[in-house]
Each structure stands twice: as structure tokens, then as C-alpha cells.
Amino acid sequence: MFNYQGKVIDAHLHYGYDSVIAEHVIMEDMVYDDPDSVIRTLDNYGIQQCLLIPPDRILNPPRDVEYKLANDAIARAVAKHPKRIYGAIRLNPLFGEKFVWETIRYFSQEKNIHVIKMLARVDFYNPANLKVMAPVYEASIKFNMTILFHSGHPSRDLPTLQAYGAKHYPEVKVVIAHMGLHDFLQETILACKELPNLYADMSQAWPYDIKIFVHTVGADRLMFGTDGPFQSPRVERLKVEECNLSDNQLEMIFHKNAERVYGFESG
């Protein structure tokens, strides 16, 4: 039995998986492009709401290089279960300024999606290159989008590179996923201490990482996430509970911060 009995938002849940990349996963019942399977999975783990994220890589066999098919699948899930599923789109900024602006406008204004997932290692760009990233930040300001960066893999997906853009665009909320995957925890901490518009999610982090981050940066800057279907929601939740945090800190991590950063319905 878990000690924390309040609301839980999973702020990092992938929409199914590619069996070529991950032959076995934990959340086996969640099926790509089946919104009802997401709800069944949430219910099974006692999670009230989630941020649903497209697969990180292009669909297999190789297609959908602009992530439109994957983003449309997210939009269908949000449309079917808008109270429980919030969506993130994948975006490759290398397709250029016009593409970036139109993609963000379309999914924000017409599909009720307000989060962008970026993964530089897969799409081969430097997140600190503002010639590439400026349209993403500027469109995010215009359409009130939050940017979620995969983080923790050199040489592209690093907190210092991600913080560079966040520093130049303080109006944009920027989230560092996985807290830098342990090896780059201290980079994440330094960046978040310097920049008030930076946040982190703890998916795949160690309990040690979570405790250190909360005590050095603050519980108001950290969100719960499972990185499902690859990781176990029960294990990820236990990591937070093992940190001996206050009820208020737990509430911030498990739901209040996601409500503030991603716009989830509060309650």
C-alpha cells in the first residue's frame, strides 16, 4: 500500500511502443492509437490523468518523418478523453520556421495540445542553436506551449544545452525529462536553480536524485512521471515516497506542478 493517497498525474507517458526497439515493456496492455487502452492502463495503476507523448522515434517501418501520423494519434486520444489525457506533440525543428509555426499553431489551436516533446539525439540538432530553436520558442510564446526535452544522453540531449534556450526565452516553461538521467543530475540542478522557468520530471531517476533535487531546488519544480510503458508506475511512485517528503511536497510532485506547468485541470 502506498503512503500517498492523493491525486496522481503521470507527466511522462509514451503512447505504446515499437517492438523492434523494445521487445518487452511493463505496461503491456496499452496499445498505440487505442485511446481506451490508455484509460484502462491509468485505472490499473491508480493514475487520474496523464501527459501522453508520441513514440520518440519515427514509426516502424521507417515513415512519418515529420511525426504527423504520431501527433494525430495523440490528438485523437485527447479528443476522446479530454479530461484525463493531455497531449504532447513531437517536433523536429530542422524542417524550418514555416513548418514549426504551422505545426504548433495547428495542434494548439485546432487540437487542444499545448506541450512539445523535443529529442535532439534522434532528430540530429543542437538544442542550444537558436537559429534552429528560435521559431520553436517564439511560437511557444505565441500559442502558450510548454517544451519538454528528453535529457540525459550526450552529446545533444544535455541540460546545459536545453537551459541555454530557456535562458533566452524566460516566458517559456521548459521541462528537463528524467532529471538528466542521473549522470547529469547536477547539470539539471544548476540549471533549475538559475532559471525559474525550468522544471524537471523524475521519470527513471534514482530516489537519491529525487531527494537531492527537492532539497536543493525545491519540490515545486519537480513532476512525477513513469516513462511508461517502459518503466513501472508502481516503482516510479515508490521512488518518490521513499524520499520522506512532506504531504505538501508530495502533492506538488504528484499533481500540483503538472497542473501549473502543463495546464491539467486541478482537483
C-alpha atoms as a PDB file:
ATOM      1  CA  MET A   1       0.000   0.000   0.000  1.00  0.00           C
ATOM      2  CA  PHE A   2       1.296   3.438  -0.904  1.00  0.00           C
ATOM      3  CA  ASN A   3       1.559   6.108   1.776  1.00  0.00           C
ATOM      4  CA  TYR A   4       0.375   8.891  -0.509  1.00  0.00           C
ATOM      5  CA  GLN A   5      -3.343   8.618  -1.237  1.00  0.00           C
ATOM      6  CA  GLY A   6      -3.935  11.804  -3.235  1.00  0.00           C
ATOM      7  CA  LYS A   7      -4.288  12.610  -6.912  1.00  0.00           C
ATOM      8  CA  VAL A   8      -1.616  11.319  -9.305  1.00  0.00           C
ATOM      9  CA  ILE A   9      -0.752  12.761 -12.722  1.00  0.00           C
ATOM     10  CA  ASP A  10       1.685  10.871 -14.910  1.00  0.00           C
ATOM     11  CA  ALA A  11       3.553  13.689 -16.647  1.00  0.00           C
ATOM     12  CA  HIS A  12       5.605  11.392 -18.887  1.00  0.00           C
ATOM     13  CA  LEU A  13       3.709   8.531 -20.549  1.00  0.00           C
ATOM     14  CA  HIS A  14       4.511   7.297 -24.052  1.00  0.00           C
ATOM     15  CA  TYR A  15       1.753   6.125 -26.387  1.00  0.00           C
ATOM     16  CA  GLY A  16       2.613   2.458 -26.773  1.00  0.00           C
ATOM     17  CA  TYR A  17       5.934   1.173 -28.026  1.00  0.00           C
ATOM     18  CA  ASP A  18       7.821  -0.191 -31.012  1.00  0.00           C
ATOM     19  CA  SER A  19       8.532  -3.903 -30.538  1.00  0.00           C
ATOM     20  CA  VAL A  20      11.637  -3.610 -32.750  1.00  0.00           C
ATOM     21  CA  ILE A  21      13.167  -1.141 -30.282  1.00  0.00           C
ATOM     22  CA  ALA A  22      11.677  -2.524 -27.051  1.00  0.00           C
ATOM     23  CA  GLU A  23      10.682  -6.161 -27.310  1.00  0.00           C
ATOM     24  CA  HIS A  24       9.296  -6.242 -23.775  1.00  0.00           C
ATOM     25  CA  VAL A  25       7.691  -3.461 -21.707  1.00  0.00           C
ATOM     26  CA  ILE A  26       5.947  -3.161 -18.349  1.00  0.00           C
ATOM     27  CA  MET A  27       2.610  -1.644 -19.427  1.00  0.00           C
ATOM     28  CA  GLU A  28       1.759  -4.379 -21.907  1.00  0.00           C
ATOM     29  CA  ASP A  29      -1.951  -3.554 -22.212  1.00  0.00           C
ATOM     30  CA  MET A  30      -1.507  -0.061 -23.642  1.00  0.00           C
ATOM     31  CA  VAL A  31      -1.820  -0.091 -27.426  1.00  0.00           C
ATOM     32  CA  TYR A  32      -0.693   2.631 -29.797  1.00  0.00           C
ATOM     33  CA  ASP A  33      -3.627   4.584 -31.280  1.00  0.00           C
ATOM     34  CA  ASP A  34      -6.131   2.973 -28.901  1.00  0.00           C
ATOM     35  CA  PRO A  35      -7.235   5.749 -26.504  1.00  0.00           C
ATOM     36  CA  ASP A  36      -9.333   3.397 -24.390  1.00  0.00           C
ATOM     37  CA  SER A  37      -6.274   1.265 -23.662  1.00  0.00           C
ATOM     38  CA  VAL A  38      -4.624   4.339 -22.132  1.00  0.00           C
ATOM     39  CA  ILE A  39      -7.567   4.831 -19.783  1.00  0.00           C
ATOM     40  CA  ARG A  40      -7.551   1.170 -18.774  1.00  0.00           C
ATOM     41  CA  THR A  41      -3.833   1.426 -18.050  1.00  0.00           C
ATOM     42  CA  LEU A  42      -4.258   4.578 -15.955  1.00  0.00           C
ATOM     43  CA  ASP A  43      -7.044   2.949 -13.966  1.00  0.00           C
ATOM     44  CA  ASN A  44      -4.963  -0.159 -13.395  1.00  0.00           C
ATOM     45  CA  TYR A  45      -2.238   1.935 -11.772  1.00  0.00           C
ATOM     46  CA  GLY A  46      -4.433   4.411  -9.905  1.00  0.00           C
ATOM     47  CA  ILE A  47      -3.434   7.376 -12.070  1.00  0.00           C
ATOM     48  CA  GLN A  48      -6.064  10.043 -12.660  1.00  0.00           C
ATOM     49  CA  GLN A  49      -4.539  11.953 -15.602  1.00  0.00           C
ATOM     50  CA  CYS A  50      -1.551  11.731 -17.909  1.00  0.00           C
ATOM     51  CA  LEU A  51       0.553  13.646 -20.382  1.00  0.00           C
ATOM     52  CA  LEU A  52       0.553  11.323 -23.399  1.00  0.00           C
ATOM     53  CA  ILE A  53       3.666  11.569 -25.582  1.00  0.00           C
ATOM     54  CA  PRO A  54       4.228  10.126 -29.080  1.00  0.00           C
ATOM     55  CA  PRO A  55       6.896   7.473 -29.648  1.00  0.00           C
ATOM     56  CA  ASP A  56      10.310   9.112 -29.609  1.00  0.00           C
ATOM     57  CA  ARG A  57      11.374   7.701 -32.978  1.00  0.00           C
ATOM     58  CA  ILE A  58       9.683   7.616 -36.358  1.00  0.00           C
ATOM     59  CA  LEU A  59       7.172   4.826 -36.864  1.00  0.00           C
ATOM     60  CA  ASN A  60       8.397   1.416 -37.985  1.00  0.00           C
ATOM     61  CA  PRO A  61       8.900   0.533 -40.843  1.00  0.00           C
ATOM     62  CA  PRO A  62      10.538   3.945 -41.305  1.00  0.00           C
ATOM     63  CA  ARG A  63       7.887   6.508 -42.168  1.00  0.00           C
ATOM     64  CA  ASP A  64       6.229   9.627 -40.774  1.00  0.00           C
ATOM     65  CA  VAL A  65       9.485  11.601 -40.633  1.00  0.00           C
ATOM     66  CA  GLU A  66       7.553  14.761 -39.703  1.00  0.00           C
ATOM     67  CA  TYR A  67       5.716  12.933 -36.861  1.00  0.00           C
ATOM     68  CA  LYS A  68       2.325  13.968 -38.260  1.00  0.00           C
ATOM     69  CA  LEU A  69       0.788  10.494 -38.001  1.00  0.00           C
ATOM     70  CA  ALA A  70       2.036  10.087 -34.446  1.00  0.00           C
ATOM     71  CA  ASN A  71       0.879  13.574 -33.458  1.00  0.00           C
ATOM     72  CA  ASP A  72      -2.544  12.964 -34.989  1.00  0.00           C
ATOM     73  CA  ALA A  73      -2.855   9.787 -32.912  1.00  0.00           C
ATOM     74  CA  ILE A  74      -2.179  11.825 -29.775  1.00  0.00           C
ATOM     75  CA  ALA A  75      -4.804  14.360 -30.854  1.00  0.00           C
ATOM     76  CA  ARG A  76      -7.406  11.587 -31.265  1.00  0.00           C
ATOM     77  CA  ALA A  77      -6.710  10.333 -27.751  1.00  0.00           C
ATOM     78  CA  VAL A  78      -7.052  13.839 -26.314  1.00  0.00           C
ATOM     79  CA  ALA A  79     -10.302  14.390 -28.211  1.00  0.00           C
ATOM     80  CA  LYS A  80     -11.805  11.140 -26.906  1.00  0.00           C
ATOM     81  CA  HIS A  81     -10.751  11.560 -23.259  1.00  0.00           C
ATOM     82  CA  PRO A  82     -10.072  15.291 -22.792  1.00  0.00           C
ATOM     83  CA  LYS A  83     -10.468  15.281 -19.011  1.00  0.00           C
ATOM     84  CA  ARG A  84      -7.895  12.567 -18.431  1.00  0.00           C
ATOM     85  CA  ILE A  85      -5.486  12.613 -21.378  1.00  0.00           C
ATOM     86  CA  TYR A  86      -3.449  15.715 -22.156  1.00  0.00           C
ATOM     87  CA  GLY A  87      -1.201  15.568 -25.182  1.00  0.00           C
ATOM     88  CA  ALA A  88       2.299  16.391 -26.371  1.00  0.00           C
ATOM     89  CA  ILE A  89       3.441  16.512 -29.976  1.00  0.00           C
ATOM     90  CA  ARG A  90       6.847  15.543 -31.329  1.00  0.00           C
ATOM     91  CA  LEU A  91       8.547  18.266 -33.337  1.00  0.00           C
ATOM     92  CA  ASN A  92      11.723  18.295 -35.433  1.00  0.00           C
ATOM     93  CA  PRO A  93      12.800  21.943 -35.832  1.00  0.00           C
ATOM     94  CA  LEU A  94      15.048  21.141 -38.778  1.00  0.00           C
ATOM     95  CA  PHE A  95      12.033  21.254 -41.101  1.00  0.00           C
ATOM     96  CA  GLY A  96      12.219  25.021 -40.811  1.00  0.00           C
ATOM     97  CA  GLU A  97      10.467  28.071 -39.455  1.00  0.00           C
ATOM     98  CA  LYS A  98       7.292  27.811 -41.542  1.00  0.00           C
ATOM     99  CA  PHE A  99       6.821  24.156 -40.627  1.00  0.00           C
ATOM    100  CA  VAL A 100       7.416  24.836 -36.927  1.00  0.00           C
ATOM    101  CA  TRP A 101       4.928  27.697 -36.760  1.00  0.00           C
ATOM    102  CA  GLU A 102       2.213  25.884 -38.695  1.00  0.00           C
ATOM    103  CA  THR A 103       2.607  22.649 -36.718  1.00  0.00           C
ATOM    104  CA  ILE A 104       2.443  24.414 -33.377  1.00  0.00           C
ATOM    105  CA  ARG A 105      -0.469  26.603 -34.453  1.00  0.00           C
ATOM    106  CA  TYR A 106      -2.442  23.648 -35.812  1.00  0.00           C
ATOM    107  CA  PHE A 107      -2.096  21.369 -32.790  1.00  0.00           C
ATOM    108  CA  SER A 108      -2.513  24.169 -30.276  1.00  0.00           C
ATOM    109  CA  GLN A 109      -5.458  25.954 -31.824  1.00  0.00           C
ATOM    110  CA  GLU A 110      -7.301  23.089 -33.513  1.00  0.00           C
ATOM    111  CA  LYS A 111      -6.386  20.020 -31.438  1.00  0.00           C
ATOM    112  CA  ASN A 112      -6.089  21.421 -27.884  1.00  0.00           C
ATOM    113  CA  ILE A 113      -2.481  20.317 -27.383  1.00  0.00           C
ATOM    114  CA  HIS A 114      -0.085  22.582 -25.510  1.00  0.00           C
ATOM    115  CA  VAL A 115       3.126  20.583 -24.990  1.00  0.00           C
ATOM    116  CA  ILE A 116       6.026  19.968 -27.396  1.00  0.00           C
ATOM    117  CA  LYS A 117       8.364  16.996 -26.906  1.00  0.00           C
ATOM    118  CA  MET A 118      11.877  17.525 -28.284  1.00  0.00           C
ATOM    119  CA  LEU A 119      14.534  14.841 -28.743  1.00  0.00           C
ATOM    120  CA  ALA A 120      17.687  16.213 -30.334  1.00  0.00           C
ATOM    121  CA  ARG A 121      19.638  12.954 -30.340  1.00  0.00           C
ATOM    122  CA  VAL A 122      17.071  11.312 -32.597  1.00  0.00           C
ATOM    123  CA  ASP A 123      16.479  14.323 -34.859  1.00  0.00           C
ATOM    124  CA  PHE A 124      20.141  15.443 -35.042  1.00  0.00           C
ATOM    125  CA  TYR A 125      20.163  19.087 -33.978  1.00  0.00           C
ATOM    126  CA  ASN A 126      21.739  21.144 -31.217  1.00  0.00           C
ATOM    127  CA  PRO A 127      19.099  22.464 -28.767  1.00  0.00           C
ATOM    128  CA  ALA A 128      21.382  25.406 -27.941  1.00  0.00           C
ATOM    129  CA  ASN A 129      21.452  26.518 -31.590  1.00  0.00           C
ATOM    130  CA  LEU A 130      18.984  29.403 -31.522  1.00  0.00           C
ATOM    131  CA  LYS A 131      18.981  29.669 -35.312  1.00  0.00           C
ATOM    132  CA  VAL A 132      17.251  26.287 -35.235  1.00  0.00           C
ATOM    133  CA  MET A 133      15.340  26.639 -31.972  1.00  0.00           C
ATOM    134  CA  ALA A 134      14.189  30.276 -32.053  1.00  0.00           C
ATOM    135  CA  PRO A 135      11.000  29.515 -34.046  1.00  0.00           C
ATOM    136  CA  VAL A 136      10.068  26.825 -31.520  1.00  0.00           C
ATOM    137  CA  TYR A 137      10.451  29.197 -28.589  1.00  0.00           C
ATOM    138  CA  GLU A 138       8.774  32.116 -30.337  1.00  0.00           C
ATOM    139  CA  ALA A 139       5.796  30.025 -31.461  1.00  0.00           C
ATOM    140  CA  SER A 140       5.582  28.554 -27.956  1.00  0.00           C
ATOM    141  CA  ILE A 141       5.196  32.056 -26.550  1.00  0.00           C
ATOM    142  CA  LYS A 142       2.533  32.930 -29.109  1.00  0.00           C
ATOM    143  CA  PHE A 143       0.477  29.765 -28.530  1.00  0.00           C
ATOM    144  CA  ASN A 144       1.267  29.162 -24.839  1.00  0.00           C
ATOM    145  CA  MET A 145       3.134  25.885 -25.330  1.00  0.00           C
ATOM    146  CA  THR A 146       5.391  24.149 -22.811  1.00  0.00           C
ATOM    147  CA  ILE A 147       8.565  22.483 -24.122  1.00  0.00           C
ATOM    148  CA  LEU A 148       9.580  19.071 -22.766  1.00  0.00           C
ATOM    149  CA  PHE A 149      13.121  17.967 -23.592  1.00  0.00           C
ATOM    150  CA  HIS A 150      14.327  14.396 -23.389  1.00  0.00           C
ATOM    151  CA  SER A 151      17.502  14.726 -21.352  1.00  0.00           C
ATOM    152  CA  GLY A 152      20.492  12.741 -20.203  1.00  0.00           C
ATOM    153  CA  HIS A 153      22.123  11.449 -23.390  1.00  0.00           C
ATOM    154  CA  PRO A 154      25.275  13.157 -24.709  1.00  0.00           C
ATOM    155  CA  SER A 155      26.129  14.910 -26.799  1.00  0.00           C
ATOM    156  CA  ARG A 156      22.851  16.574 -27.752  1.00  0.00           C
ATOM    157  CA  ASP A 157      20.305  15.860 -25.001  1.00  0.00           C
ATOM    158  CA  LEU A 158      22.006  17.666 -22.132  1.00  0.00           C
ATOM    159  CA  PRO A 159      20.532  20.007 -19.503  1.00  0.00           C
ATOM    160  CA  THR A 160      23.117  22.732 -20.147  1.00  0.00           C
ATOM    161  CA  LEU A 161      22.207  22.897 -23.836  1.00  0.00           C
ATOM    162  CA  GLN A 162      18.498  22.898 -23.054  1.00  0.00           C
ATOM    163  CA  ALA A 163      18.896  25.597 -20.422  1.00  0.00           C
ATOM    164  CA  TYR A 164      20.614  27.875 -22.943  1.00  0.00           C
ATOM    165  CA  GLY A 165      17.424  28.380 -24.908  1.00  0.00           C
ATOM    166  CA  ALA A 166      15.317  28.618 -21.755  1.00  0.00           C
ATOM    167  CA  LYS A 167      17.558  31.428 -20.556  1.00  0.00           C
ATOM    168  CA  HIS A 168      16.980  33.407 -23.755  1.00  0.00           C
ATOM    169  CA  TYR A 169      13.216  32.835 -23.657  1.00  0.00           C
ATOM    170  CA  PRO A 170      12.188  33.192 -19.995  1.00  0.00           C
ATOM    171  CA  GLU A 171       8.488  33.394 -20.941  1.00  0.00           C
ATOM    172  CA  VAL A 172       8.529  29.722 -21.986  1.00  0.00           C
ATOM    173  CA  LYS A 173       8.129  26.885 -19.468  1.00  0.00           C
ATOM    174  CA  VAL A 174      10.811  24.281 -20.194  1.00  0.00           C
ATOM    175  CA  VAL A 175      10.918  20.802 -18.656  1.00  0.00           C
ATOM    176  CA  ILE A 176      14.009  18.595 -18.403  1.00  0.00           C
ATOM    177  CA  ALA A 177      12.849  14.978 -18.581  1.00  0.00           C
ATOM    178  CA  HIS A 178      14.401  12.268 -16.397  1.00  0.00           C
ATOM    179  CA  MET A 179      16.309  14.914 -14.410  1.00  0.00           C
ATOM    180  CA  GLY A 180      19.246  14.295 -16.762  1.00  0.00           C
ATOM    181  CA  LEU A 181      19.258  10.503 -16.207  1.00  0.00           C
ATOM    182  CA  HIS A 182      21.410  10.595 -13.038  1.00  0.00           C
ATOM    183  CA  ASP A 183      24.763  11.284 -14.739  1.00  0.00           C
ATOM    184  CA  PHE A 184      23.603  14.815 -15.500  1.00  0.00           C
ATOM    185  CA  LEU A 185      21.614  15.402 -12.313  1.00  0.00           C
ATOM    186  CA  GLN A 186      23.942  18.164 -11.171  1.00  0.00           C
ATOM    187  CA  GLU A 187      23.602  19.938 -14.511  1.00  0.00           C
ATOM    188  CA  THR A 188      19.821  19.791 -14.087  1.00  0.00           C
ATOM    189  CA  ILE A 189      20.049  21.152 -10.555  1.00  0.00           C
ATOM    190  CA  LEU A 190      22.348  24.036 -11.511  1.00  0.00           C
ATOM    191  CA  ALA A 191      20.165  24.960 -14.484  1.00  0.00           C
ATOM    192  CA  CYS A 192      16.941  24.884 -12.470  1.00  0.00           C
ATOM    193  CA  LYS A 193      18.465  26.934  -9.640  1.00  0.00           C
ATOM    194  CA  GLU A 194      19.498  29.594 -12.131  1.00  0.00           C
ATOM    195  CA  LEU A 195      16.341  29.720 -14.243  1.00  0.00           C
ATOM    196  CA  PRO A 196      12.843  29.967 -12.723  1.00  0.00           C
ATOM    197  CA  ASN A 197      11.189  28.833 -15.976  1.00  0.00           C
ATOM    198  CA  LEU A 198      12.948  25.445 -15.837  1.00  0.00           C
ATOM    199  CA  TYR A 199      11.332  22.325 -14.364  1.00  0.00           C
ATOM    200  CA  ALA A 200      12.109  18.608 -14.323  1.00  0.00           C
ATOM    201  CA  ASP A 201      10.286  15.303 -14.288  1.00  0.00           C
ATOM    202  CA  MET A 202      11.628  12.407 -12.263  1.00  0.00           C
ATOM    203  CA  SER A 203      10.869   9.527 -14.630  1.00  0.00           C
ATOM    204  CA  GLN A 204      13.704   6.972 -14.448  1.00  0.00           C
ATOM    205  CA  ALA A 205      15.507   8.977 -11.750  1.00  0.00           C
ATOM    206  CA  TRP A 206      17.001   7.326  -8.681  1.00  0.00           C
ATOM    207  CA  PRO A 207      15.431   8.038  -5.254  1.00  0.00           C
ATOM    208  CA  TYR A 208      18.722   9.723  -4.331  1.00  0.00           C
ATOM    209  CA  ASP A 209      18.331  12.053  -7.321  1.00  0.00           C
ATOM    210  CA  ILE A 210      14.794  12.991  -6.321  1.00  0.00           C
ATOM    211  CA  LYS A 211      15.708  13.739  -2.716  1.00  0.00           C
ATOM    212  CA  ILE A 212      18.735  15.832  -3.656  1.00  0.00           C
ATOM    213  CA  PHE A 213      16.743  17.810  -6.232  1.00  0.00           C
ATOM    214  CA  VAL A 214      13.906  18.547  -3.799  1.00  0.00           C
ATOM    215  CA  HIS A 215      16.294  19.710  -1.085  1.00  0.00           C
ATOM    216  CA  THR A 216      18.463  21.847  -3.376  1.00  0.00           C
ATOM    217  CA  VAL A 217      15.943  23.201  -5.904  1.00  0.00           C
ATOM    218  CA  GLY A 218      12.506  22.605  -4.409  1.00  0.00           C
ATOM    219  CA  ALA A 219       9.521  20.290  -4.718  1.00  0.00           C
ATOM    220  CA  ASP A 220       7.694  22.997  -6.676  1.00  0.00           C
ATOM    221  CA  ARG A 221       9.951  22.347  -9.695  1.00  0.00           C
ATOM    222  CA  LEU A 222       9.594  18.561  -9.995  1.00  0.00           C
ATOM    223  CA  MET A 223       6.850  16.413 -11.564  1.00  0.00           C
ATOM    224  CA  PHE A 224       6.014  12.737 -11.277  1.00  0.00           C
ATOM    225  CA  GLY A 225       6.381  10.693 -14.462  1.00  0.00           C
ATOM    226  CA  THR A 226       6.612   6.993 -15.209  1.00  0.00           C
ATOM    227  CA  ASP A 227       8.223   6.811 -18.657  1.00  0.00           C
ATOM    228  CA  GLY A 228       5.652   4.114 -19.336  1.00  0.00           C
ATOM    229  CA  PRO A 229       5.153   1.748 -20.955  1.00  0.00           C
ATOM    230  CA  PHE A 230       8.867   1.010 -20.485  1.00  0.00           C
ATOM    231  CA  GLN A 231       9.047   1.574 -16.722  1.00  0.00           C
ATOM    232  CA  SER A 232       6.789   0.550 -13.850  1.00  0.00           C
ATOM    233  CA  PRO A 233       4.430   3.211 -12.439  1.00  0.00           C
ATOM    234  CA  ARG A 234       4.498   1.398  -9.103  1.00  0.00           C
ATOM    235  CA  VAL A 235       8.289   1.524  -8.942  1.00  0.00           C
ATOM    236  CA  GLU A 236       8.467   5.162 -10.052  1.00  0.00           C
ATOM    237  CA  ARG A 237       5.879   6.135  -7.455  1.00  0.00           C
ATOM    238  CA  LEU A 238       7.702   4.264  -4.699  1.00  0.00           C
ATOM    239  CA  LYS A 239      10.889   6.177  -5.534  1.00  0.00           C
ATOM    240  CA  VAL A 240       9.165   9.436  -4.596  1.00  0.00           C
ATOM    241  CA  GLU A 241       7.604   8.014  -1.444  1.00  0.00           C
ATOM    242  CA  GLU A 242      10.954   6.662  -0.238  1.00  0.00           C
ATOM    243  CA  CYS A 243      12.309  10.224  -0.033  1.00  0.00           C
ATOM    244  CA  ASN A 244      10.472  11.005   3.223  1.00  0.00           C
ATOM    245  CA  LEU A 245       8.844  14.172   1.909  1.00  0.00           C
ATOM    246  CA  SER A 246       6.056  16.211   3.458  1.00  0.00           C
ATOM    247  CA  ASP A 247       2.436  15.884   2.346  1.00  0.00           C
ATOM    248  CA  ASN A 248       2.677  19.270   0.659  1.00  0.00           C
ATOM    249  CA  GLN A 249       5.826  18.267  -1.242  1.00  0.00           C
ATOM    250  CA  LEU A 250       4.191  15.027  -2.367  1.00  0.00           C
ATOM    251  CA  GLU A 251       1.119  16.868  -3.609  1.00  0.00           C
ATOM    252  CA  MET A 252       3.286  19.245  -5.624  1.00  0.00           C
ATOM    253  CA  ILE A 253       5.248  16.421  -7.228  1.00  0.00           C
ATOM    254  CA  PHE A 254       2.321  14.096  -7.874  1.00  0.00           C
ATOM    255  CA  HIS A 255      -0.126  16.612  -9.327  1.00  0.00           C
ATOM    256  CA  LYS A 256       0.030  20.310  -8.458  1.00  0.00           C
ATOM    257  CA  ASN A 257       3.134  21.108 -10.505  1.00  0.00           C
ATOM    258  CA  ALA A 258       1.766  19.334 -13.579  1.00  0.00           C
ATOM    259  CA  GLU A 259      -1.442  21.312 -13.215  1.00  0.00           C
ATOM    260  CA  ARG A 260       0.569  24.524 -13.164  1.00  0.00           C
ATOM    261  CA  VAL A 261       3.146  23.690 -15.843  1.00  0.00           C
ATOM    262  CA  TYR A 262       1.047  21.677 -18.285  1.00  0.00           C
ATOM    263  CA  GLY A 263      -2.396  23.103 -17.558  1.00  0.00           C
ATOM    264  CA  PHE A 264      -4.074  19.978 -16.189  1.00  0.00           C
ATOM    265  CA  GLU A 265      -7.472  20.502 -14.658  1.00  0.00           C
ATOM    266  CA  SER A 266      -6.885  20.971 -10.929  1.00  0.00           C
ATOM    267  CA  GLY A 267      -8.550  18.953  -8.239  1.00  0.00           C
END
